[in-house]
Amino acid sequence: MKTRHCLTLALALLALPASAAELSVKIEQPTLPVAEYHRPYLAIWLEKTDGSAVTQLAVWYDQNKKDNAGTKWLKDLRQWWRKGGRDLAMPVDGVAGATRAPGVHTLYWNSQKAPLNQLPAGDYQLMVEAAREGGGREVVRVPVSWPGKTPRQTSAQGQQELGTITVQVKP
């Protein structure tokens, strides 16, 4: 009886999925002292170290405009637009989302789901670009090793449209 119980437990443990590597990105959108504040459009994507785009992670834009007119301003995210944004038919399920108010926002992805389930191990740049009507445009790069051998956290500081961008990878 004891052997059967141990065998059942062993089979149950084998049926569990392997642990997934995780990527989290914390984005600080500062409160800006302006007369008329417009929430920024924002794009997050991964690039290889040579600058070629690899995968789209998130795009925040005004999805509530009539006839999907919010997509008209996506080209103001100039680097993202040139690196693959213009090839997307918005909204993209799992990527597109609404603009967000000032504050700290955290996004999560894991290696068992798209888009990271097809991402080869290696060194990348996580790119965050923000553009705001009546405001500026800013791009912040954060180096990322995927999936990494040990937990690692890196960050980079924006100057105006973006605050601190913190990237955490857990193998």
Protein backbone atom coordinates (compact mmCIF):
# COMPACT_ATOMS: atom_id res chain seq x y z
CA MET A 1 0.00 0.00 0.00
CA LYS A 2 2.84 2.38 0.86
CA THR A 3 4.52 1.72 -2.51
CA ARG A 4 1.28 2.50 -4.37
CA HIS A 5 0.94 5.80 -2.46
CA CYS A 6 4.53 6.79 -3.26
CA LEU A 7 4.06 5.87 -6.92
CA THR A 8 0.86 7.95 -7.11
CA LEU A 9 2.63 10.92 -5.52
CA ALA A 10 5.60 10.60 -7.90
CA LEU A 11 3.30 10.48 -10.93
CA ALA A 12 1.37 13.50 -9.65
CA LEU A 13 4.61 15.47 -9.25
CA LEU A 14 5.69 14.56 -12.78
CA ALA A 15 2.38 15.85 -14.12
CA LEU A 16 2.97 19.31 -12.65
CA PRO A 17 4.24 21.87 -15.14
CA ALA A 18 7.85 22.95 -14.83
CA SER A 19 8.20 26.30 -13.15
CA ALA A 20 7.97 29.19 -15.53
CA ALA A 21 10.47 31.98 -15.87
CA GLU A 22 8.87 35.34 -15.13
CA LEU A 23 9.38 38.87 -16.41
CA SER A 24 7.89 41.82 -14.56
CA VAL A 25 8.13 45.44 -15.60
CA LYS A 26 7.33 48.28 -13.22
CA ILE A 27 6.67 51.57 -14.99
CA GLU A 28 6.50 54.88 -13.19
CA GLN A 29 4.41 57.52 -14.94
CA PRO A 30 5.09 60.78 -13.11
CA THR A 31 2.48 63.40 -12.34
CA LEU A 32 3.42 66.38 -14.47
CA PRO A 33 2.64 70.00 -13.49
CA VAL A 34 0.88 71.00 -16.71
CA ALA A 35 -2.36 72.91 -17.31
CA GLU A 36 -4.00 70.22 -19.45
CA TYR A 37 -2.71 66.70 -18.85
CA HIS A 38 -3.20 63.99 -21.48
CA ARG A 39 -2.40 60.41 -20.59
CA PRO A 40 0.56 59.20 -22.65
CA TYR A 41 0.44 56.50 -25.26
CA LEU A 42 3.01 53.90 -24.27
CA ALA A 43 4.68 50.92 -25.97
CA ILE A 44 6.82 48.17 -24.47
CA TRP A 45 8.78 45.74 -26.62
CA LEU A 46 11.94 43.66 -26.63
CA GLU A 47 14.87 44.18 -28.99
CA LYS A 48 17.99 42.16 -29.60
CA THR A 49 21.21 43.90 -28.62
CA ASP A 50 21.73 44.79 -32.32
CA GLY A 51 18.53 46.89 -32.20
CA SER A 52 16.24 44.59 -34.16
CA ALA A 53 12.77 44.18 -32.69
CA VAL A 54 11.90 40.76 -31.27
CA THR A 55 8.43 40.91 -29.72
CA GLN A 56 5.70 43.33 -28.66
CA LEU A 57 4.75 43.22 -24.98
CA ALA A 58 2.25 46.07 -24.45
CA VAL A 59 0.75 49.10 -26.16
CA TRP A 60 -1.43 51.56 -24.24
CA TYR A 61 -3.53 53.95 -26.30
CA ASP A 62 -6.96 55.61 -26.34
CA GLN A 63 -9.22 52.71 -27.26
CA ASN A 64 -12.45 54.63 -26.58
CA LYS A 65 -12.32 56.98 -29.55
CA LYS A 66 -15.08 56.53 -32.12
CA ASP A 67 -14.20 54.38 -35.14
CA ASN A 68 -10.91 53.31 -33.51
CA ALA A 69 -9.51 56.82 -34.10
CA GLY A 70 -7.05 56.40 -31.21
CA THR A 71 -4.86 54.32 -33.52
CA LYS A 72 -4.17 57.47 -35.58
CA TRP A 73 -1.78 58.73 -32.89
CA LEU A 74 0.15 55.49 -32.40
CA LYS A 75 2.72 56.68 -34.95
CA ASP A 76 3.75 59.33 -32.38
CA LEU A 77 5.49 56.44 -30.62
CA ARG A 78 8.13 56.85 -33.34
CA GLN A 79 10.70 54.21 -32.41
CA TRP A 80 8.06 51.60 -31.64
CA TRP A 81 6.22 52.47 -34.86
CA ARG A 82 9.36 51.90 -36.95
CA LYS A 83 10.29 48.73 -35.03
CA GLY A 84 7.04 46.94 -35.87
CA GLY A 85 4.13 48.98 -34.59
CA ARG A 86 2.99 49.96 -38.07
CA ASP A 87 2.65 46.26 -38.96
CA LEU A 88 0.14 45.56 -36.18
CA ALA A 89 -3.62 45.63 -36.69
CA MET A 90 -4.87 47.15 -33.44
CA PRO A 91 -6.16 46.13 -31.02
CA VAL A 92 -3.88 43.13 -30.51
CA ASP A 93 -5.27 40.69 -27.94
CA GLY A 94 -3.01 40.45 -24.92
CA VAL A 95 -0.90 43.43 -26.03
CA ALA A 96 -3.22 46.43 -26.46
CA GLY A 97 -4.67 48.24 -23.47
CA ALA A 98 -6.03 51.58 -22.38
CA THR A 99 -3.82 54.51 -21.43
CA ARG A 100 -3.10 54.76 -17.72
CA ALA A 101 -3.14 57.59 -15.21
CA PRO A 102 0.03 58.77 -13.46
CA GLY A 103 1.33 56.28 -10.93
CA VAL A 104 3.28 53.03 -10.81
CA HIS A 105 2.04 50.19 -13.00
CA THR A 106 3.40 46.63 -13.00
CA LEU A 107 3.01 44.15 -15.83
CA TYR A 108 3.83 40.42 -15.73
CA TRP A 109 4.63 37.78 -18.34
CA ASN A 110 5.87 34.20 -18.02
CA SER A 111 7.67 31.74 -20.25
CA GLN A 112 4.67 29.42 -20.59
CA LYS A 113 2.53 31.95 -22.49
CA ALA A 114 2.94 34.10 -25.58
CA PRO A 115 4.94 36.10 -26.36
CA LEU A 116 7.74 34.80 -24.12
CA ASN A 117 7.10 31.09 -24.75
CA GLN A 118 8.92 31.42 -28.10
CA LEU A 119 11.67 33.77 -26.91
CA PRO A 120 15.15 32.21 -27.19
CA ALA A 121 17.51 32.59 -24.26
CA GLY A 122 19.80 35.58 -24.66
CA ASP A 123 20.49 39.23 -23.98
CA TYR A 124 17.89 41.82 -24.94
CA GLN A 125 16.90 45.45 -24.41
CA LEU A 126 13.48 46.09 -22.93
CA MET A 127 12.23 49.27 -24.58
CA VAL A 128 9.60 51.60 -23.12
CA GLU A 129 8.43 54.57 -25.17
CA ALA A 130 5.88 57.18 -24.10
CA ALA A 131 4.38 60.02 -26.12
CA ARG A 132 1.83 62.52 -24.86
CA GLU A 133 -0.39 65.00 -26.68
CA GLY A 134 0.81 68.48 -25.84
CA GLY A 135 3.82 66.93 -24.18
CA GLY A 136 7.01 65.18 -25.01
CA ARG A 137 8.22 61.81 -26.12
CA GLU A 138 10.71 59.64 -24.31
CA VAL A 139 12.36 56.24 -24.74
CA VAL A 140 13.96 54.27 -21.89
CA ARG A 141 16.07 51.12 -22.43
CA VAL A 142 16.71 48.47 -19.79
CA PRO A 143 19.07 45.52 -20.43
CA VAL A 144 17.50 42.08 -19.86
CA SER A 145 18.97 38.56 -19.87
CA TRP A 146 16.26 36.01 -20.60
CA PRO A 147 15.55 33.77 -18.83
CA GLY A 148 18.59 34.25 -16.64
CA LYS A 149 20.20 31.83 -14.23
CA THR A 150 19.44 33.74 -11.03
CA PRO A 151 16.81 36.33 -10.13
CA ARG A 152 17.90 39.73 -11.38
CA GLN A 153 16.54 43.25 -11.20
CA THR A 154 17.69 46.17 -13.34
CA SER A 155 16.32 49.65 -13.79
CA ALA A 156 16.72 52.82 -15.79
CA GLN A 157 15.52 56.34 -15.13
CA GLY A 158 13.38 58.43 -17.47
CA GLN A 159 13.74 62.20 -17.51
CA GLN A 160 10.23 63.61 -17.98
CA GLU A 161 7.48 61.49 -19.54
CA LEU A 162 8.69 58.35 -17.73
CA GLY A 163 10.05 57.84 -14.24
CA THR A 164 11.91 54.73 -13.11
CA ILE A 165 11.50 51.59 -15.21
CA THR A 166 12.34 48.45 -13.22
CA VAL A 167 12.67 45.03 -14.83
CA GLN A 168 12.79 41.85 -12.80
CA VAL A 169 13.56 38.41 -14.25
CA LYS A 170 13.01 35.25 -12.23
CA PRO A 171 14.30 32.00 -13.78
